[in-house]
């Protein structure tokens, strides 16, 4: 599973950070920063919710991406 964020689309609403703080934070500019691009599969439900809640549609979740070791 791979999560990416398009910082050009991000408006800093913060719903991703509230939904999955283990994976997202805001940087000094108030934009999304992905802490863990290949998070644990147990976070998939939270990541899907964060993606759905993002008003700028700045998050992309690829569940088919292999987890690197």
PDB file of N, CA and C in Angstrom:
ATOM      1  N   UNK A   1       0.845  -1.166   0.000  1.00  0.00           N
ATOM      2  CA  UNK A   1       0.000   0.000   0.000  1.00  0.00           C
ATOM      3  C   UNK A   1       0.895   1.235   0.000  1.00  0.00           C
ATOM      4  N   UNK A   2       0.503   2.209  -0.830  1.00  0.00           N
ATOM      5  CA  UNK A   2       1.289   3.432  -0.974  1.00  0.00           C
ATOM      6  C   UNK A   2       0.354   4.635  -0.905  1.00  0.00           C
ATOM      7  N   UNK A   3       0.689   5.609  -0.077  1.00  0.00           N
ATOM      8  CA  UNK A   3      -0.090   6.838   0.022  1.00  0.00           C
ATOM      9  C   UNK A   3       0.774   8.010  -0.441  1.00  0.00           C
ATOM     10  N   UNK A   4       0.209   8.837  -1.289  1.00  0.00           N
ATOM     11  CA  UNK A   4       0.919  10.021  -1.763  1.00  0.00           C
ATOM     12  C   UNK A   4       0.005  11.235  -1.617  1.00  0.00           C
ATOM     13  N   UNK A   5       0.619  12.402  -1.548  1.00  0.00           N
ATOM     14  CA  UNK A   5      -0.123  13.653  -1.421  1.00  0.00           C
ATOM     15  C   UNK A   5       0.373  14.641  -2.457  1.00  0.00           C
ATOM     16  N   UNK A   6      -0.554  15.283  -3.106  1.00  0.00           N
ATOM     17  CA  UNK A   6      -0.245  16.320  -4.087  1.00  0.00           C
ATOM     18  C   UNK A   6      -0.268  17.663  -3.358  1.00  0.00           C
ATOM     19  N   UNK A   7       0.886  18.167  -3.004  1.00  0.00           N
ATOM     20  CA  UNK A   7       0.992  19.409  -2.233  1.00  0.00           C
ATOM     21  C   UNK A   7       0.517  20.620  -3.025  1.00  0.00           C
ATOM     22  N   UNK A   8       0.517  20.526  -4.351  1.00  0.00           N
ATOM     23  CA  UNK A   8       0.006  21.624  -5.172  1.00  0.00           C
ATOM     24  C   UNK A   8      -1.512  21.750  -5.045  1.00  0.00           C
ATOM     25  N   UNK A   9      -2.167  20.654  -4.735  1.00  0.00           N
ATOM     26  CA  UNK A   9      -3.630  20.661  -4.563  1.00  0.00           C
ATOM     27  C   UNK A   9      -4.037  20.927  -3.123  1.00  0.00           C
ATOM     28  N   UNK A  10      -3.164  20.614  -2.174  1.00  0.00           N
ATOM     29  CA  UNK A  10      -3.481  20.719  -0.754  1.00  0.00           C
ATOM     30  C   UNK A  10      -3.877  22.151  -0.379  1.00  0.00           C
ATOM     31  N   UNK A  11      -4.960  22.271   0.418  1.00  0.00           N
ATOM     32  CA  UNK A  11      -5.397  23.589   0.899  1.00  0.00           C
ATOM     33  C   UNK A  11      -5.220  23.712   2.415  1.00  0.00           C
ATOM     34  N   UNK A  12      -4.635  22.687   3.040  1.00  0.00           N
ATOM     35  CA  UNK A  12      -4.337  22.754   4.462  1.00  0.00           C
ATOM     36  C   UNK A  12      -5.535  22.590   5.377  1.00  0.00           C
ATOM     37  N   UNK A  13      -6.571  21.907   4.927  1.00  0.00           N
ATOM     38  CA  UNK A  13      -7.775  21.721   5.740  1.00  0.00           C
ATOM     39  C   UNK A  13      -7.489  20.914   7.005  1.00  0.00           C
ATOM     40  N   UNK A  14      -6.549  19.991   6.931  1.00  0.00           N
ATOM     41  CA  UNK A  14      -6.126  19.244   8.110  1.00  0.00           C
ATOM     42  C   UNK A  14      -6.915  17.988   8.428  1.00  0.00           C
ATOM     43  N   UNK A  15      -7.865  17.633   7.603  1.00  0.00           N
ATOM     44  CA  UNK A  15      -8.658  16.441   7.882  1.00  0.00           C
ATOM     45  C   UNK A  15      -7.817  15.171   7.813  1.00  0.00           C
ATOM     46  N   UNK A  16      -6.817  15.156   6.970  1.00  0.00           N
ATOM     47  CA  UNK A  16      -5.929  13.994   6.882  1.00  0.00           C
ATOM     48  C   UNK A  16      -5.148  13.817   8.181  1.00  0.00           C
ATOM     49  N   UNK A  17      -4.664  14.923   8.719  1.00  0.00           N
ATOM     50  CA  UNK A  17      -3.888  14.883   9.961  1.00  0.00           C
ATOM     51  C   UNK A  17      -4.766  14.423  11.118  1.00  0.00           C
ATOM     52  N   UNK A  18      -5.990  14.889  11.164  1.00  0.00           N
ATOM     53  CA  UNK A  18      -6.910  14.476  12.218  1.00  0.00           C
ATOM     54  C   UNK A  18      -7.316  13.011  12.091  1.00  0.00           C
ATOM     55  N   UNK A  19      -7.424  12.530  10.858  1.00  0.00           N
ATOM     56  CA  UNK A  19      -7.875  11.166  10.608  1.00  0.00           C
ATOM     57  C   UNK A  19      -6.759  10.142  10.759  1.00  0.00           C
ATOM     58  N   UNK A  20      -5.554  10.469  10.330  1.00  0.00           N
ATOM     59  CA  UNK A  20      -4.433   9.522  10.376  1.00  0.00           C
ATOM     60  C   UNK A  20      -3.142  10.244  10.782  1.00  0.00           C
ATOM     61  N   UNK A  21      -3.040  10.654  12.043  1.00  0.00           N
ATOM     62  CA  UNK A  21      -1.857  11.404  12.483  1.00  0.00           C
ATOM     63  C   UNK A  21      -0.559  10.592  12.444  1.00  0.00           C
ATOM     64  N   UNK A  22      -0.674   9.280  12.348  1.00  0.00           N
ATOM     65  CA  UNK A  22       0.520   8.443  12.243  1.00  0.00           C
ATOM     66  C   UNK A  22       1.163   8.569  10.867  1.00  0.00           C
ATOM     67  N   UNK A  23       0.365   9.041   9.896  1.00  0.00           N
ATOM     68  CA  UNK A  23       0.806   9.071   8.501  1.00  0.00           C
ATOM     69  C   UNK A  23       1.002  10.496   7.978  1.00  0.00           C
ATOM     70  N   UNK A  24       0.205  11.444   8.474  1.00  0.00           N
ATOM     71  CA  UNK A  24       0.234  12.810   7.947  1.00  0.00           C
ATOM     72  C   UNK A  24       0.558  13.830   9.023  1.00  0.00           C
ATOM     73  N   UNK A  25       1.164  14.931   8.580  1.00  0.00           N
ATOM     74  CA  UNK A  25       1.338  16.116   9.413  1.00  0.00           C
ATOM     75  C   UNK A  25       1.310  17.320   8.491  1.00  0.00           C
ATOM     76  N   UNK A  26       1.199  18.493   9.087  1.00  0.00           N
ATOM     77  CA  UNK A  26       1.316  19.728   8.319  1.00  0.00           C
ATOM     78  C   UNK A  26       2.729  20.257   8.472  1.00  0.00           C
ATOM     79  N   UNK A  27       3.288  20.774   7.384  1.00  0.00           N
ATOM     80  CA  UNK A  27       4.618  21.369   7.444  1.00  0.00           C
ATOM     81  C   UNK A  27       4.506  22.838   7.858  1.00  0.00           C
ATOM     82  N   UNK A  28       5.601  23.551   7.823  1.00  0.00           N
ATOM     83  CA  UNK A  28       5.624  24.951   8.235  1.00  0.00           C
ATOM     84  C   UNK A  28       4.753  25.847   7.352  1.00  0.00           C
ATOM     85  N   UNK A  29       4.460  25.382   6.132  1.00  0.00           N
ATOM     86  CA  UNK A  29       3.607  26.148   5.223  1.00  0.00           C
ATOM     87  C   UNK A  29       2.128  25.804   5.406  1.00  0.00           C
ATOM     88  N   UNK A  30       1.827  24.862   6.316  1.00  0.00           N
ATOM     89  CA  UNK A  30       0.451  24.449   6.552  1.00  0.00           C
ATOM     90  C   UNK A  30      -0.070  23.433   5.560  1.00  0.00           C
ATOM     91  N   UNK A  31       0.833  22.842   4.785  1.00  0.00           N
ATOM     92  CA  UNK A  31       0.442  21.858   3.784  1.00  0.00           C
ATOM     93  C   UNK A  31       0.771  20.447   4.264  1.00  0.00           C
ATOM     94  N   UNK A  32       0.092  19.494   3.669  1.00  0.00           N
ATOM     95  CA  UNK A  32       0.263  18.102   4.066  1.00  0.00           C
ATOM     96  C   UNK A  32       1.692  17.614   3.802  1.00  0.00           C
ATOM     97  N   UNK A  33       2.164  16.812   4.731  1.00  0.00           N
ATOM     98  CA  UNK A  33       3.446  16.127   4.592  1.00  0.00           C
ATOM     99  C   UNK A  33       3.188  14.670   4.980  1.00  0.00           C
ATOM    100  N   UNK A  34       3.579  13.743   4.107  1.00  0.00           N
ATOM    101  CA  UNK A  34       3.379  12.322   4.376  1.00  0.00           C
ATOM    102  C   UNK A  34       4.567  11.816   5.192  1.00  0.00           C
ATOM    103  N   UNK A  35       4.281  11.333   6.388  1.00  0.00           N
ATOM    104  CA  UNK A  35       5.317  10.811   7.278  1.00  0.00           C
ATOM    105  C   UNK A  35       5.728   9.397   6.898  1.00  0.00           C
ATOM    106  N   UNK A  36       4.774   8.624   6.428  1.00  0.00           N
ATOM    107  CA  UNK A  36       5.003   7.205   6.130  1.00  0.00           C
ATOM    108  C   UNK A  36       4.309   6.877   4.819  1.00  0.00           C
ATOM    109  N   UNK A  37       5.080   6.827   3.711  1.00  0.00           N
ATOM    110  CA  UNK A  37       4.483   6.567   2.396  1.00  0.00           C
ATOM    111  C   UNK A  37       3.953   5.150   2.251  1.00  0.00           C
ATOM    112  N   UNK A  38       4.532   4.216   2.984  1.00  0.00           N
ATOM    113  CA  UNK A  38       4.083   2.826   2.926  1.00  0.00           C
ATOM    114  C   UNK A  38       3.651   2.385   4.326  1.00  0.00           C
ATOM    115  N   UNK A  39       2.507   2.904   4.789  1.00  0.00           N
ATOM    116  CA  UNK A  39       2.066   2.603   6.148  1.00  0.00           C
ATOM    117  C   UNK A  39       1.611   1.164   6.314  1.00  0.00           C
ATOM    118  N   UNK A  40       1.512   0.763   7.550  1.00  0.00           N
ATOM    119  CA  UNK A  40       1.029  -0.560   7.902  1.00  0.00           C
ATOM    120  C   UNK A  40      -0.387  -0.747   7.364  1.00  0.00           C
ATOM    121  N   UNK A  41      -0.687  -1.937   6.908  1.00  0.00           N
ATOM    122  CA  UNK A  41      -1.989  -2.239   6.320  1.00  0.00           C
ATOM    123  C   UNK A  41      -3.130  -2.020   7.307  1.00  0.00           C
ATOM    124  N   UNK A  42      -2.857  -2.070   8.583  1.00  0.00           N
ATOM    125  CA  UNK A  42      -3.924  -1.866   9.574  1.00  0.00           C
ATOM    126  C   UNK A  42      -4.482  -0.444   9.522  1.00  0.00           C
ATOM    127  N   UNK A  43      -3.780   0.475   8.870  1.00  0.00           N
ATOM    128  CA  UNK A  43      -4.227   1.862   8.752  1.00  0.00           C
ATOM    129  C   UNK A  43      -5.048   2.128   7.487  1.00  0.00           C
ATOM    130  N   UNK A  44      -5.284   1.095   6.695  1.00  0.00           N
ATOM    131  CA  UNK A  44      -5.967   1.290   5.420  1.00  0.00           C
ATOM    132  C   UNK A  44      -7.332   1.968   5.583  1.00  0.00           C
ATOM    133  N   UNK A  45      -8.111   1.567   6.557  1.00  0.00           N
ATOM    134  CA  UNK A  45      -9.435   2.155   6.765  1.00  0.00           C
ATOM    135  C   UNK A  45      -9.320   3.660   7.041  1.00  0.00           C
ATOM    136  N   UNK A  46      -8.383   4.052   7.902  1.00  0.00           N
ATOM    137  CA  UNK A  46      -8.176   5.470   8.208  1.00  0.00           C
ATOM    138  C   UNK A  46      -7.689   6.238   6.980  1.00  0.00           C
ATOM    139  N   UNK A  47      -6.827   5.617   6.193  1.00  0.00           N
ATOM    140  CA  UNK A  47      -6.303   6.281   5.001  1.00  0.00           C
ATOM    141  C   UNK A  47      -7.380   6.474   3.948  1.00  0.00           C
ATOM    142  N   UNK A  48      -8.239   5.488   3.794  1.00  0.00           N
ATOM    143  CA  UNK A  48      -9.359   5.630   2.851  1.00  0.00           C
ATOM    144  C   UNK A  48     -10.280   6.772   3.294  1.00  0.00           C
ATOM    145  N   UNK A  49     -10.529   6.860   4.598  1.00  0.00           N
ATOM    146  CA  UNK A  49     -11.372   7.928   5.114  1.00  0.00           C
ATOM    147  C   UNK A  49     -10.709   9.288   4.897  1.00  0.00           C
ATOM    148  N   UNK A  50      -9.423   9.385   5.170  1.00  0.00           N
ATOM    149  CA  UNK A  50      -8.696  10.642   4.960  1.00  0.00           C
ATOM    150  C   UNK A  50      -8.773  11.056   3.490  1.00  0.00           C
ATOM    151  N   UNK A  51      -8.624  10.099   2.604  1.00  0.00           N
ATOM    152  CA  UNK A  51      -8.699  10.383   1.170  1.00  0.00           C
ATOM    153  C   UNK A  51     -10.095  10.896   0.800  1.00  0.00           C
ATOM    154  N   UNK A  52     -11.120  10.279   1.335  1.00  0.00           N
ATOM    155  CA  UNK A  52     -12.495  10.693   1.042  1.00  0.00           C
ATOM    156  C   UNK A  52     -12.812  12.073   1.611  1.00  0.00           C
ATOM    157  N   UNK A  53     -12.275  12.378   2.797  1.00  0.00           N
ATOM    158  CA  UNK A  53     -12.575  13.642   3.463  1.00  0.00           C
ATOM    159  C   UNK A  53     -11.814  14.832   2.901  1.00  0.00           C
ATOM    160  N   UNK A  54     -10.723  14.587   2.204  1.00  0.00           N
ATOM    161  CA  UNK A  54      -9.889  15.678   1.693  1.00  0.00           C
ATOM    162  C   UNK A  54     -10.683  16.534   0.699  1.00  0.00           C
ATOM    163  N   UNK A  55     -10.950  17.805   1.045  1.00  0.00           N
ATOM    164  CA  UNK A  55     -11.737  18.645   0.147  1.00  0.00           C
ATOM    165  C   UNK A  55     -11.007  19.006  -1.147  1.00  0.00           C
ATOM    166  N   UNK A  56      -9.690  18.902  -1.152  1.00  0.00           N
ATOM    167  CA  UNK A  56      -8.907  19.249  -2.343  1.00  0.00           C
ATOM    168  C   UNK A  56      -8.578  18.021  -3.195  1.00  0.00           C
ATOM    169  N   UNK A  57      -8.980  16.833  -2.730  1.00  0.00           N
ATOM    170  CA  UNK A  57      -8.656  15.585  -3.435  1.00  0.00           C
ATOM    171  C   UNK A  57      -7.157  15.475  -3.688  1.00  0.00           C
ATOM    172  N   UNK A  58      -6.388  15.768  -2.651  1.00  0.00           N
ATOM    173  CA  UNK A  58      -4.931  15.800  -2.764  1.00  0.00           C
ATOM    174  C   UNK A  58      -4.260  14.482  -2.401  1.00  0.00           C
ATOM    175  N   UNK A  59      -5.036  13.490  -1.935  1.00  0.00           N
ATOM    176  CA  UNK A  59      -4.443  12.227  -1.492  1.00  0.00           C
ATOM    177  C   UNK A  59      -4.739  11.113  -2.480  1.00  0.00           C
ATOM    178  N   UNK A  60      -3.740  10.262  -2.698  1.00  0.00           N
ATOM    179  CA  UNK A  60      -3.913   9.096  -3.565  1.00  0.00           C
ATOM    180  C   UNK A  60      -3.444   7.867  -2.785  1.00  0.00           C
ATOM    181  N   UNK A  61      -4.287   6.833  -2.780  1.00  0.00           N
ATOM    182  CA  UNK A  61      -3.982   5.597  -2.078  1.00  0.00           C
ATOM    183  C   UNK A  61      -3.946   4.468  -3.083  1.00  0.00           C
ATOM    184  N   UNK A  62      -2.812   3.778  -3.142  1.00  0.00           N
ATOM    185  CA  UNK A  62      -2.644   2.630  -4.044  1.00  0.00           C
ATOM    186  C   UNK A  62      -2.492   1.390  -3.185  1.00  0.00           C
ATOM    187  N   UNK A  63      -3.569   0.624  -3.069  1.00  0.00           N
ATOM    188  CA  UNK A  63      -3.529  -0.574  -2.227  1.00  0.00           C
ATOM    189  C   UNK A  63      -2.880  -1.751  -2.937  1.00  0.00           C
ATOM    190  N   UNK A  64      -2.646  -1.629  -4.232  1.00  0.00           N
ATOM    191  CA  UNK A  64      -2.002  -2.701  -4.977  1.00  0.00           C
ATOM    192  C   UNK A  64      -0.478  -2.608  -4.940  1.00  0.00           C
ATOM    193  N   UNK A  65       0.034  -1.469  -4.469  1.00  0.00           N
ATOM    194  CA  UNK A  65       1.485  -1.281  -4.421  1.00  0.00           C
ATOM    195  C   UNK A  65       2.087  -2.244  -3.419  1.00  0.00           C
ATOM    196  N   UNK A  66       3.121  -2.959  -3.828  1.00  0.00           N
ATOM    197  CA  UNK A  66       3.766  -3.889  -2.904  1.00  0.00           C
ATOM    198  C   UNK A  66       4.466  -3.152  -1.778  1.00  0.00           C
ATOM    199  N   UNK A  67       4.453  -3.748  -0.618  1.00  0.00           N
ATOM    200  CA  UNK A  67       5.116  -3.179   0.553  1.00  0.00           C
ATOM    201  C   UNK A  67       6.606  -3.534   0.462  1.00  0.00           C
ATOM    202  N   UNK A  68       7.469  -2.522   0.475  1.00  0.00           N
ATOM    203  CA  UNK A  68       8.909  -2.799   0.386  1.00  0.00           C
ATOM    204  C   UNK A  68       9.403  -3.331   1.731  1.00  0.00           C
ATOM    205  N   UNK A  69      10.424  -4.136   1.675  1.00  0.00           N
ATOM    206  CA  UNK A  69      10.969  -4.725   2.895  1.00  0.00           C
ATOM    207  C   UNK A  69      12.304  -4.125   3.232  1.00  0.00           C
TER     208      UNK A  69
END
